[in-house]
Protein backbone atom coordinates (compact mmCIF):
# COMPACT_ATOMS: atom_id res chain seq x y z
CA MET A 1 -0.24 -0.07 -0.06
CA ALA A 2 2.68 2.36 0.60
CA PHE A 3 4.32 1.92 -2.12
CA LYS A 4 1.18 2.34 -4.72
CA LEU A 5 1.04 5.90 -2.40
CA THR A 6 4.17 7.31 -3.07
CA SER A 7 3.76 6.14 -6.20
CA ARG A 8 0.86 8.15 -7.01
CA LEU A 9 3.16 11.28 -5.21
CA ARG A 10 5.88 10.83 -7.55
CA ALA A 11 3.21 11.16 -10.70
CA LEU A 12 1.89 14.81 -9.40
CA PRO A 13 2.83 17.37 -11.23
CA ARG A 14 6.04 19.16 -9.21
CA GLN A 15 4.23 22.60 -8.95
CA VAL A 16 1.30 20.80 -7.21
CA ARG A 17 3.56 18.74 -5.00
CA PHE A 18 6.37 21.45 -3.61
CA CYS A 19 3.25 24.18 -2.85
CA GLN A 20 2.93 25.85 0.17
CA ALA A 21 -0.20 26.33 1.42
CA ALA A 22 1.01 29.51 2.63
CA PHE A 23 1.95 30.28 -0.28
CA CYS A 24 -0.87 28.53 -2.74
CA SER A 25 -3.51 30.93 -0.73
CA SER A 26 -2.37 34.15 -1.27
CA ILE A 27 -0.15 33.83 -4.87
CA GLY A 28 -1.82 30.59 -6.38
CA SER A 29 -5.41 32.10 -6.01
CA ARG A 30 -4.68 35.50 -7.50
CA PHE A 31 -2.25 34.64 -9.95
CA GLN A 32 -1.09 32.08 -12.73
CA VAL A 33 2.88 31.06 -14.49
CA GLN A 34 2.39 31.62 -18.15
CA HIS A 35 5.70 31.17 -20.60
CA ASP A 36 5.97 32.58 -23.59
CA PRO A 37 8.99 29.96 -25.29
CA HIS A 38 8.88 33.03 -28.33
CA GLY A 39 9.45 35.92 -25.97
CA HIS A 40 12.28 33.93 -23.76
CA ARG A 41 10.33 34.76 -20.93
CA PHE A 42 7.53 33.43 -18.17
CA THR A 43 5.17 35.82 -16.49
CA LEU A 44 3.23 35.89 -13.09
CA VAL A 45 -0.03 37.08 -14.31
CA PRO A 46 -3.30 37.72 -12.34
CA SER A 47 -6.10 34.99 -12.76
CA ALA A 48 -9.18 36.09 -14.23
CA GLY A 49 -11.39 37.52 -12.16
CA THR A 50 -8.93 39.59 -10.84
CA ASP A 51 -8.22 43.54 -10.32
CA SER A 52 -4.95 43.45 -10.21
CA GLU A 53 -2.88 44.38 -13.00
CA GLU A 54 0.84 43.84 -11.82
CA VAL A 55 3.01 40.90 -13.78
CA ALA A 56 6.15 39.66 -12.66
CA VAL A 57 8.57 38.22 -14.56
CA LEU A 58 11.10 36.18 -15.84
CA LEU A 59 13.76 36.03 -18.62
CA TYR A 60 16.33 33.93 -20.35
CA LYS A 61 17.62 33.61 -23.25
CA PHE A 62 19.08 30.51 -25.87
CA THR A 63 22.86 30.91 -25.55
CA GLY A 64 23.34 27.55 -27.18
CA GLU A 65 21.45 23.97 -28.46
CA LYS A 66 20.63 23.25 -25.03
CA GLU A 67 21.68 25.69 -23.29
CA VAL A 68 20.46 29.14 -21.76
CA ASP A 69 21.17 31.86 -19.58
CA LEU A 70 18.12 33.05 -16.87
CA MET A 71 19.28 36.11 -16.77
CA SER A 72 16.56 38.36 -14.77
CA THR A 73 14.10 38.08 -13.00
CA PHE A 74 11.44 41.31 -12.05
CA VAL A 75 8.12 41.52 -9.46
CA PRO A 76 6.56 44.87 -9.19
CA GLU A 77 6.56 46.03 -5.40
CA THR A 78 3.20 45.65 -4.55
CA ILE A 79 3.58 41.91 -4.82
CA ARG A 80 6.82 41.18 -3.61
CA GLY A 81 7.81 38.97 -0.72
CA GLN A 82 5.03 36.90 -1.85
CA GLY A 83 6.70 33.80 -3.12
CA ALA A 84 6.41 34.90 -6.63
CA ALA A 85 9.75 35.51 -7.72
CA ALA A 86 9.97 31.58 -6.28
CA VAL A 87 6.84 30.54 -8.26
CA LEU A 88 8.98 32.25 -11.43
CA SER A 89 12.26 30.68 -10.59
CA GLN A 90 10.50 27.27 -10.19
CA ALA A 91 8.87 26.92 -13.26
CA ALA A 92 12.26 27.60 -15.34
CA MET A 93 14.05 25.25 -13.42
CA ASP A 94 11.57 22.61 -13.91
CA PHE A 95 11.17 24.25 -18.02
CA LEU A 96 14.47 22.81 -17.66
CA VAL A 97 14.19 20.00 -16.34
CA LYS A 98 11.86 18.95 -19.39
CA GLU A 99 13.32 20.17 -22.01
CA ASP A 100 16.72 18.48 -20.84
CA LEU A 101 18.16 21.91 -21.31
CA LYS A 102 21.30 23.06 -19.03
CA ALA A 103 21.76 27.00 -17.81
CA ARG A 104 23.94 29.54 -16.29
CA ILE A 105 22.03 31.99 -14.12
CA SER A 106 22.57 35.60 -14.01
CA CYS A 107 20.69 36.72 -11.57
CA TRP A 108 21.15 36.36 -8.38
CA TYR A 109 17.39 35.55 -7.08
CA ILE A 110 17.51 32.78 -9.24
CA LYS A 111 21.01 30.86 -7.42
CA LYS A 112 19.55 31.75 -4.42
CA TYR A 113 16.17 29.71 -5.02
CA ILE A 114 18.41 27.24 -6.60
CA GLU A 115 21.20 26.62 -3.20
CA GLU A 116 17.22 27.28 -1.34
CA HIS A 117 15.90 23.71 -2.83
CA PRO A 118 18.65 21.49 -2.81
CA GLU A 119 15.81 18.44 -3.15
CA GLU A 120 15.44 19.81 -6.40
CA LEU A 121 17.47 18.04 -9.34
CA TYR A 122 18.35 21.72 -10.22
CA LYS A 123 21.32 21.68 -9.60
CA ASP A 124 22.45 19.18 -11.81
CA ARG A 125 21.40 21.58 -14.61
CA VAL A 126 23.16 24.48 -13.62
CA ILE A 127 26.17 24.93 -15.60
CA ALA A 128 28.11 27.92 -13.97
CA TYR A 129 26.54 31.32 -11.94
CA THR A 130 27.54 34.79 -14.06
CA ILE A 131 26.23 37.54 -11.81
CA GLN A 132 27.25 40.19 -11.90
CA ASN A 133 27.69 43.07 -8.99
């Protein structure tokens, strides 16, 4: 029985498994992540029915055939401190895993996110940190 339950948990989408209750109720109900592969960005946009116009963004660019540079995150001041950058970072890292890509990390926040999530396979995706002060 324990094996069946563990197998089912592993099959759940990553965003469901690692969602923290406090975070899901605040950001998750008001915003959703969208990936724009042509624009090379992830955005955290207001969900339908919310009156917020604030949009958080994570930008990346391809630097090789199977290599990207995760360049920056921006979170508007009105939604900072609510986990928006973490959601964007997780979406970008999940994209790397799904597409079997490697990354250079140019954003200090994404570096911090990877360091804070050692249980993930994210560290295996990092080629180098190229953060400039």
